[in-house]
Amino acid sequence: MAYFLYCCQHLYCLFLLIFFNSKKLKLVKPHVTVGMLLISIAMFGVFRSGIVGRTISDNLVADFSGVGAFFILLTAFVVGIILFFNTSVDVFLVIVINVLKKVFEAIYAFVTRFIFNPDKAAVNAPAQKGEFITNKAAPQPVINVAKQPVVPKSGGDALTIRPLSNEALQHWEFPTLNLLEEMKEQKADAGDIAWNSDTIEHTLDSFGIKARVAEINQGPTVTQYALEIVAGTKLTKITGLANDLALALAAPTGQVRIEAPIPGKSYVGVEIPNRKSEVVSLKRMLTSEAMMHDPHPLVVPMGLDVSGHPVAGNIAKFPHVLIAGTTGSGKSVILNAWICSLLFRTTPEDVRLILVDPKRVELTQYNGIPHLFTEVIVEPEKNYLCAQVDSGRNGIEIQRICKSGGA
């Protein structure tokens, strides 16, 4: 009886709130109240709660028998559910069918695995970390950090860049690396690597993608997490989750880059920007194997790759070069590093430079160096004239045209 009175109080409040509804403020919608009323009547009749519940049950049983009363109350309950959630009959049936299907699948899997084949179930029990490598514990991801090269201290034996030819040595003395300042090592701050690895795995798992961080590569500006995924996973499902991963990882720039797959490896790379970038000095690049073992005069430093290894590029093999980026991204830094590397590695007979600086803020400091073919061009008309010079004219004629401003 107490339960009945408790439910009646709530139903009475729902009915009263209907009359306080307005166009701007709707406290309770009618379908919610009617649906709740039908659900309550059905529950009262099925469980014979209180006087009302026993009255409903006895009358229905007397008129339609016990089976008929059950189906009537079940119908009232279903209609109440449909009205309460403001849905349709077909949508409700689809939901019920899907729920029953999931229940039957779970029961069938439990019966076949743990009752009829208990030994096989114990051997083939799924493991979150062991599904990639069977019968072994998941190995810890390998963290690859490039070793810092040994740079000679100032004041010792002068270390010169490898000369290009014996003829260049007879007419030109290459500058030593002692001209470059020693820089304090500033390591990149990749954050909590273990937390990032777990977050990537859990985020992908929430979207139905089983993956494991197998390798971690720490670079100067980004840290790459190499993922090993199960067979049958579409890469498009992973590449479409870049924004979700950036949100879960709280990426410093708000973006992460997904490389699917990593060239030369059967992994998918997730690159997260470091919280603090590593400072890469020109001295370190000039003493790297990528620069020392390549004698071509137009080889310039490109920086460090995602694994922290020095990378060099040959300008002669570039179809064109465009250096672009936001303010403070390092456009002037890389351009000055290229010019300085040419000065350290080549002679004026090997490379002649034509520098154009209409803004007069970046390249005018190079006026007077022997490698310049002419003074730094700051006037647009001279720039146009030098661009029109064909390759058939000799150096003296080209220099005369650029200095005079006429063709």
Protein backbone atom coordinates (compact mmCIF):
# COMPACT_ATOMS: atom_id res chain seq x y z
CA MET A 1 0.00 0.00 0.00
CA ALA A 2 2.85 2.38 0.80
CA TYR A 3 4.44 1.72 -2.61
CA PHE A 4 1.13 2.45 -4.32
CA LEU A 5 0.70 5.76 -2.50
CA TYR A 6 4.30 6.70 -3.34
CA CYS A 7 3.74 6.12 -7.06
CA CYS A 8 0.39 7.92 -7.00
CA GLN A 9 2.02 11.03 -5.57
CA HIS A 10 4.47 11.18 -8.46
CA LEU A 11 1.78 10.56 -11.06
CA TYR A 12 -0.39 13.30 -9.51
CA CYS A 13 2.54 15.73 -9.70
CA LEU A 14 3.11 14.84 -13.34
CA PHE A 15 -0.54 15.55 -14.17
CA LEU A 16 -0.41 18.90 -12.38
CA LEU A 17 2.76 19.99 -14.17
CA ILE A 18 1.04 19.54 -17.54
CA PHE A 19 -1.22 22.52 -16.81
CA PHE A 20 1.82 24.74 -16.12
CA ASN A 21 3.31 24.11 -19.55
CA SER A 22 3.68 27.01 -21.96
CA LYS A 23 5.19 27.57 -25.39
CA LYS A 24 8.47 28.79 -23.93
CA LEU A 25 8.64 26.47 -20.92
CA LYS A 26 7.47 22.88 -21.04
CA LEU A 27 7.97 21.21 -17.70
CA VAL A 28 6.36 17.87 -18.51
CA LYS A 29 5.09 16.64 -21.87
CA PRO A 30 1.78 14.73 -22.00
CA HIS A 31 3.28 11.60 -23.57
CA VAL A 32 5.65 11.26 -20.60
CA THR A 33 2.79 11.34 -18.10
CA VAL A 34 0.56 8.93 -20.08
CA GLY A 35 3.45 6.55 -20.65
CA MET A 36 4.35 6.59 -16.97
CA LEU A 37 0.71 5.95 -16.07
CA LEU A 38 0.48 2.88 -18.34
CA ILE A 39 3.80 1.53 -17.02
CA SER A 40 2.61 1.96 -13.43
CA ILE A 41 -0.73 0.23 -14.09
CA ALA A 42 1.04 -2.70 -15.76
CA MET A 43 3.53 -3.02 -12.90
CA PHE A 44 0.78 -2.79 -10.26
CA GLY A 45 -1.19 -5.56 -11.99
CA VAL A 46 1.76 -7.90 -12.55
CA PHE A 47 3.13 -7.64 -9.01
CA ARG A 48 -0.33 -7.18 -7.33
CA SER A 49 0.96 -4.12 -5.45
CA GLY A 50 -1.55 -2.70 -2.98
CA ILE A 51 -5.32 -2.71 -3.28
CA VAL A 52 -5.27 -1.20 -6.79
CA GLY A 53 -2.81 -3.78 -8.05
CA ARG A 54 -4.79 -6.70 -6.66
CA THR A 55 -8.03 -5.23 -8.03
CA ILE A 56 -6.56 -4.86 -11.54
CA SER A 57 -5.09 -8.36 -11.47
CA ASP A 58 -8.22 -10.07 -10.09
CA ASN A 59 -10.59 -8.39 -12.57
CA LEU A 60 -8.40 -9.20 -15.56
CA VAL A 61 -7.91 -12.81 -14.48
CA ALA A 62 -11.68 -13.22 -13.92
CA ASP A 63 -12.51 -11.80 -17.38
CA PHE A 64 -9.62 -13.03 -19.55
CA SER A 65 -7.91 -15.82 -17.52
CA GLY A 66 -4.37 -15.62 -16.20
CA VAL A 67 -2.67 -15.82 -19.62
CA GLY A 68 -4.94 -13.17 -21.10
CA ALA A 69 -4.37 -10.85 -18.14
CA PHE A 70 -0.60 -11.23 -18.53
CA PHE A 71 -0.67 -10.31 -22.25
CA ILE A 72 -2.94 -7.33 -21.59
CA LEU A 73 -0.62 -5.99 -18.91
CA LEU A 74 2.40 -6.68 -21.15
CA THR A 75 0.78 -4.72 -23.97
CA ALA A 76 0.06 -1.83 -21.62
CA PHE A 77 3.68 -1.90 -20.46
CA VAL A 78 5.04 -1.85 -24.05
CA VAL A 79 2.72 0.99 -25.06
CA GLY A 80 3.79 2.92 -21.98
CA ILE A 81 7.45 2.46 -22.85
CA ILE A 82 6.84 3.67 -26.42
CA LEU A 83 4.94 6.74 -25.23
CA PHE A 84 7.40 7.52 -22.45
CA PHE A 85 10.41 7.59 -24.82
CA ASN A 86 8.37 9.12 -27.67
CA THR A 87 9.51 6.50 -30.17
CA SER A 88 7.76 4.33 -32.77
CA VAL A 89 6.76 0.68 -32.73
CA ASP A 90 9.23 -0.39 -35.42
CA VAL A 91 12.16 1.31 -33.66
CA PHE A 92 11.14 -0.31 -30.36
CA LEU A 93 10.96 -3.76 -32.02
CA VAL A 94 14.40 -3.27 -33.59
CA ILE A 95 15.87 -2.37 -30.20
CA VAL A 96 14.26 -5.38 -28.53
CA ILE A 97 15.48 -7.73 -31.29
CA ASN A 98 19.04 -6.40 -31.05
CA VAL A 99 19.06 -6.77 -27.26
CA LEU A 100 17.74 -10.34 -27.46
CA LYS A 101 20.29 -11.17 -30.16
CA LYS A 102 23.16 -9.92 -27.99
CA VAL A 103 21.86 -11.89 -25.00
CA PHE A 104 21.56 -15.13 -27.00
CA GLU A 105 25.04 -14.66 -28.49
CA ALA A 106 26.53 -14.15 -25.04
CA ILE A 107 24.75 -17.23 -23.66
CA TYR A 108 25.81 -19.35 -26.65
CA ALA A 109 29.44 -18.22 -26.36
CA PHE A 110 29.47 -18.92 -22.63
CA VAL A 111 27.95 -22.40 -23.04
CA THR A 112 30.20 -23.49 -25.93
CA ARG A 113 33.40 -22.12 -24.43
CA PHE A 114 33.20 -22.74 -20.69
CA ILE A 115 30.83 -25.73 -20.42
CA PHE A 116 31.51 -27.98 -23.43
CA ASN A 117 35.18 -26.98 -24.03
CA PRO A 118 36.59 -25.72 -20.74
CA ASP A 119 40.20 -26.76 -21.55
CA LYS A 120 40.21 -25.02 -24.92
CA ALA A 121 38.70 -21.89 -23.42
CA ALA A 122 41.48 -21.68 -20.86
CA VAL A 123 44.12 -21.92 -23.62
CA ASN A 124 42.45 -19.50 -26.05
CA ALA A 125 41.33 -16.94 -23.47
CA PRO A 126 41.68 -13.49 -25.02
CA ALA A 127 44.31 -11.20 -23.58
CA GLN A 128 44.38 -7.52 -24.24
CA LYS A 129 48.13 -7.33 -24.42
CA GLY A 130 48.89 -10.83 -25.75
CA GLU A 131 46.81 -11.01 -28.89
CA PHE A 132 49.70 -9.69 -30.99
CA ILE A 133 52.40 -12.03 -29.66
CA THR A 134 51.15 -15.45 -28.56
CA ASN A 135 52.36 -17.20 -25.42
CA LYS A 136 54.52 -14.22 -24.51
CA ALA A 137 54.05 -11.14 -22.43
CA ALA A 138 53.73 -7.97 -24.47
CA PRO A 139 57.20 -6.42 -24.79
CA GLN A 140 57.81 -2.89 -23.74
CA PRO A 141 57.99 -0.47 -26.69
CA VAL A 142 61.48 0.28 -27.92
CA ILE A 143 62.41 3.93 -27.41
CA ASN A 144 64.81 5.11 -30.09
CA VAL A 145 66.81 8.21 -29.24
CA ALA A 146 69.56 9.34 -31.58
CA LYS A 147 73.01 9.55 -30.02
CA GLN A 148 74.58 12.96 -29.83
CA PRO A 149 77.75 13.22 -31.96
CA VAL A 150 81.02 14.09 -30.29
CA VAL A 151 81.96 17.66 -31.24
CA PRO A 152 85.52 18.84 -30.52
CA LYS A 153 85.84 21.65 -27.98
CA SER A 154 87.14 25.03 -28.96
CA GLY A 155 90.86 25.51 -28.57
CA GLY A 156 91.83 21.99 -29.68
CA ASP A 157 92.88 20.77 -33.09
CA ALA A 158 90.91 22.58 -35.80
CA LEU A 159 88.37 20.31 -37.50
CA THR A 160 87.79 21.37 -41.10
CA ILE A 161 85.06 20.22 -43.43
CA ARG A 162 86.16 17.57 -45.89
CA PRO A 163 87.54 19.30 -49.02
CA LEU A 164 86.00 18.65 -52.40
CA SER A 165 89.16 18.37 -54.46
CA ASN A 166 92.92 18.83 -54.23
CA GLU A 167 92.71 21.83 -56.56
CA ALA A 168 90.45 23.65 -54.11
CA LEU A 169 92.98 23.20 -51.32
CA GLN A 170 95.67 24.99 -53.33
CA HIS A 171 93.66 28.20 -53.65
CA TRP A 172 91.28 28.20 -50.72
CA GLU A 173 91.54 27.64 -46.99
CA PHE A 174 88.35 26.18 -45.59
CA PRO A 175 86.99 27.78 -42.40
CA THR A 176 87.16 25.71 -39.23
CA LEU A 177 84.24 24.69 -37.07
CA ASN A 178 85.74 26.67 -34.20
CA LEU A 179 83.99 29.68 -35.70
CA LEU A 180 80.67 28.19 -34.58
CA GLU A 181 79.66 28.69 -30.98
CA GLU A 182 79.23 25.83 -28.58
CA MET A 183 75.57 25.37 -27.66
CA LYS A 184 74.15 23.81 -24.55
CA GLU A 185 72.21 20.68 -25.27
CA GLN A 186 68.48 21.23 -24.97
CA LYS A 187 66.61 17.96 -25.05
CA ALA A 188 63.11 17.70 -26.43
CA ASP A 189 60.30 17.32 -23.88
CA ALA A 190 57.95 14.62 -25.14
CA GLY A 191 55.84 14.55 -21.96
CA ASP A 192 54.76 11.33 -20.26
CA ILE A 193 55.53 8.69 -22.89
CA ALA A 194 53.93 5.83 -20.94
CA TRP A 195 50.71 7.79 -20.41
CA ASN A 196 50.59 8.78 -24.07
CA SER A 197 51.03 5.14 -25.13
CA ASP A 198 48.21 3.94 -22.89
CA THR A 199 45.95 6.79 -24.01
CA ILE A 200 46.49 5.98 -27.69
CA GLU A 201 45.71 2.30 -27.11
CA HIS A 202 42.59 2.98 -25.01
CA THR A 203 41.28 5.63 -27.42
CA LEU A 204 41.60 3.34 -30.42
CA ASP A 205 40.08 0.47 -28.43
CA SER A 206 37.03 2.61 -27.64
CA PHE A 207 36.46 2.88 -31.41
CA GLY A 208 36.82 -0.88 -31.91
CA ILE A 209 40.46 -0.83 -33.10
CA LYS A 210 42.90 -3.20 -31.40
CA ALA A 211 46.41 -1.71 -31.46
CA ARG A 212 49.59 -1.79 -29.41
CA VAL A 213 52.47 0.71 -29.23
CA ALA A 214 55.44 -1.34 -30.42
CA GLU A 215 58.03 1.40 -30.93
CA ILE A 216 58.59 5.00 -29.85
CA ASN A 217 60.81 7.37 -31.84
CA GLN A 218 61.74 10.66 -30.19
CA GLY A 219 62.47 13.45 -32.64
CA PRO A 220 63.39 17.11 -32.16
CA THR A 221 59.86 18.49 -32.62
CA VAL A 222 57.57 15.44 -32.61
CA THR A 223 57.52 12.00 -31.01
CA GLN A 224 56.31 9.13 -33.16
CA TYR A 225 54.41 6.21 -31.63
CA ALA A 226 54.54 3.20 -33.96
CA LEU A 227 51.39 1.10 -33.61
CA GLU A 228 51.04 -2.60 -34.37
CA ILE A 229 47.46 -3.37 -35.41
CA VAL A 230 45.62 -6.64 -35.83
CA ALA A 231 45.07 -8.12 -39.28
CA GLY A 232 41.93 -6.98 -41.05
CA THR A 233 41.90 -3.42 -39.65
CA LYS A 234 41.29 -0.76 -42.29
CA LEU A 235 43.79 2.08 -42.19
CA THR A 236 41.07 4.57 -43.08
CA LYS A 237 39.45 3.91 -39.70
CA ILE A 238 42.66 4.99 -37.96
CA THR A 239 43.44 8.01 -40.15
CA GLY A 240 39.97 9.37 -39.50
CA LEU A 241 40.58 9.52 -35.74
CA ALA A 242 43.30 12.19 -35.77
CA ASN A 243 41.11 14.79 -34.07
CA ASP A 244 39.87 12.28 -31.46
CA LEU A 245 43.45 11.30 -30.61
CA ALA A 246 44.49 14.96 -30.36
CA LEU A 247 41.63 15.57 -27.92
CA ALA A 248 42.44 12.53 -25.79
CA LEU A 249 46.18 13.29 -25.72
CA ALA A 250 45.72 17.04 -25.12
CA ALA A 251 48.25 17.73 -27.89
CA PRO A 252 50.13 21.03 -27.39
CA THR A 253 49.24 22.27 -30.89
CA GLY A 254 45.79 20.67 -30.93
CA GLN A 255 46.76 18.39 -33.82
CA VAL A 256 48.43 15.02 -34.34
CA ARG A 257 49.69 13.52 -37.58
CA ILE A 258 48.95 9.91 -38.54
CA GLU A 259 51.32 8.21 -40.99
CA ALA A 260 49.68 5.04 -42.28
CA PRO A 261 51.77 3.05 -42.88
CA ILE A 262 55.31 4.05 -41.88
CA PRO A 263 57.55 3.61 -44.96
CA GLY A 264 59.51 0.39 -44.72
CA LYS A 265 57.62 -0.87 -41.65
CA SER A 266 54.33 -2.65 -41.01
CA TYR A 267 53.39 -0.05 -38.40
CA VAL A 268 51.07 2.95 -38.25
CA GLY A 269 52.72 6.11 -36.91
CA VAL A 270 51.06 8.63 -34.61
CA GLU A 271 53.17 11.79 -34.36
CA ILE A 272 52.55 14.02 -31.33
CA PRO A 273 54.22 17.45 -31.10
CA ASN A 274 56.72 17.75 -28.26
CA ARG A 275 55.99 20.17 -25.46
CA LYS A 276 59.49 21.58 -25.87
CA SER A 277 61.51 21.29 -29.07
CA GLU A 278 65.15 20.28 -29.26
CA VAL A 279 67.73 22.83 -30.45
CA VAL A 280 69.65 21.54 -33.48
CA SER A 281 72.93 23.38 -34.04
CA LEU A 282 74.64 23.88 -37.37
CA LYS A 283 77.86 22.48 -35.90
CA ARG A 284 76.13 19.23 -35.10
CA MET A 285 74.76 18.95 -38.63
CA LEU A 286 78.07 19.73 -40.33
CA THR A 287 79.84 17.00 -38.33
CA SER A 288 77.15 14.37 -39.00
CA GLU A 289 77.81 11.37 -41.23
CA ALA A 290 75.14 12.50 -43.67
CA MET A 291 77.20 15.64 -44.43
CA MET A 292 80.74 14.29 -43.98
CA HIS A 293 80.31 11.28 -46.30
CA ASP A 294 78.72 13.17 -49.20
CA PRO A 295 81.26 15.24 -51.19
CA HIS A 296 78.72 16.96 -53.46
CA PRO A 297 79.10 20.76 -53.18
CA LEU A 298 75.34 21.41 -53.05
CA VAL A 299 74.56 19.13 -50.09
CA VAL A 300 72.87 21.14 -47.32
CA PRO A 301 71.57 20.17 -43.85
CA MET A 302 67.83 19.53 -43.57
CA GLY A 303 67.67 18.88 -39.81
CA LEU A 304 66.74 15.79 -37.81
CA ASP A 305 64.15 13.22 -38.83
CA VAL A 306 61.40 11.87 -36.59
CA SER A 307 63.89 9.42 -35.04
CA GLY A 308 66.44 12.14 -34.27
CA HIS A 309 68.93 11.23 -37.02
CA PRO A 310 70.57 13.99 -39.13
CA VAL A 311 69.25 14.34 -42.68
CA ALA A 312 70.97 16.10 -45.59
CA GLY A 313 69.65 17.01 -49.03
CA ASN A 314 71.17 17.74 -52.39
CA ILE A 315 69.81 20.99 -53.84
CA ALA A 316 70.80 19.87 -57.34
CA LYS A 317 68.27 17.03 -57.12
CA PHE A 318 65.39 19.27 -56.00
CA PRO A 319 63.00 20.17 -58.84
CA HIS A 320 62.21 23.41 -56.96
CA VAL A 321 62.59 24.63 -53.40
CA LEU A 322 59.90 26.54 -51.52
CA ILE A 323 60.51 27.39 -47.86
CA ALA A 324 57.21 28.34 -46.23
CA GLY A 325 55.79 28.46 -42.74
CA THR A 326 54.25 30.63 -40.07
CA THR A 327 56.05 33.42 -38.26
CA GLY A 328 58.79 32.01 -36.06
CA SER A 329 58.75 28.56 -37.67
CA GLY A 330 62.40 28.81 -38.81
CA LYS A 331 62.35 29.93 -42.46
CA SER A 332 65.25 32.35 -42.06
CA VAL A 333 67.13 29.88 -39.86
CA ILE A 334 67.18 27.11 -42.46
CA LEU A 335 68.06 29.56 -45.26
CA ASN A 336 71.04 30.95 -43.33
CA ALA A 337 72.09 27.42 -42.39
CA TRP A 338 72.17 26.45 -46.06
CA ILE A 339 74.27 29.47 -47.04
CA CYS A 340 76.71 28.88 -44.17
CA SER A 341 77.07 25.20 -45.05
CA LEU A 342 77.99 26.18 -48.62
CA LEU A 343 80.60 28.60 -47.25
CA PHE A 344 82.09 25.89 -45.01
CA ARG A 345 82.17 23.15 -47.68
CA THR A 346 82.90 24.82 -51.03
CA THR A 347 85.26 27.28 -52.67
CA PRO A 348 84.28 30.29 -54.78
CA GLU A 349 85.37 28.30 -57.85
CA ASP A 350 82.92 25.54 -56.99
CA VAL A 351 79.79 27.56 -56.15
CA ARG A 352 78.84 31.12 -57.09
CA LEU A 353 75.82 32.64 -55.37
CA ILE A 354 73.30 35.18 -56.59
CA LEU A 355 71.30 36.42 -53.60
CA VAL A 356 68.12 38.48 -54.00
CA ASP A 357 66.70 40.33 -51.00
CA PRO A 358 64.09 42.97 -51.95
CA LYS A 359 63.21 43.58 -48.29
CA ARG A 360 66.88 44.21 -47.38
CA VAL A 361 66.56 42.47 -44.00
CA GLU A 362 67.83 38.92 -44.46
CA LEU A 363 70.68 38.57 -46.96
CA THR A 364 72.44 41.94 -47.07
CA GLN A 365 74.80 40.74 -44.33
CA TYR A 366 76.46 38.45 -46.91
CA ASN A 367 77.77 41.34 -49.01
CA GLY A 368 81.51 40.95 -49.52
CA ILE A 369 81.84 37.16 -49.27
CA PRO A 370 83.94 35.64 -52.10
CA HIS A 371 81.19 33.23 -53.16
CA LEU A 372 78.88 36.01 -54.29
CA PHE A 373 78.60 36.33 -58.06
CA THR A 374 77.45 39.93 -57.60
CA GLU A 375 76.41 42.06 -54.69
CA VAL A 376 73.16 41.14 -52.97
CA ILE A 377 70.39 42.29 -55.32
CA VAL A 378 67.85 44.53 -53.61
CA GLU A 379 66.33 46.24 -56.64
CA PRO A 380 63.50 44.39 -58.45
CA GLU A 381 64.58 45.49 -61.98
CA LYS A 382 68.02 43.95 -61.53
CA ASN A 383 66.38 40.80 -60.29
CA TYR A 384 64.34 40.63 -63.49
CA LEU A 385 67.36 41.23 -65.72
CA CYS A 386 69.44 38.54 -64.03
CA ALA A 387 66.58 36.08 -64.38
CA GLN A 388 66.48 36.72 -68.15
CA VAL A 389 70.16 35.87 -68.67
CA ASP A 390 70.46 32.61 -70.59
CA SER A 391 73.00 29.91 -69.93
CA GLY A 392 74.94 30.64 -73.14
CA ARG A 393 76.56 33.85 -71.86
CA ASN A 394 79.83 33.69 -69.99
CA GLY A 395 80.34 34.80 -66.41
CA ILE A 396 81.93 38.17 -67.22
CA GLU A 397 78.99 39.21 -69.40
CA ILE A 398 76.43 38.07 -66.83
CA GLN A 399 78.22 39.99 -64.08
CA ARG A 400 78.34 43.11 -66.26
CA ILE A 401 74.62 42.89 -66.97
CA CYS A 402 73.67 42.48 -63.32
CA LYS A 403 75.85 45.39 -62.18
CA SER A 404 74.81 47.76 -64.94
CA GLY A 405 71.11 46.94 -64.89
CA GLY A 406 70.89 46.66 -68.69
CA ALA A 407 70.71 43.80 -71.19
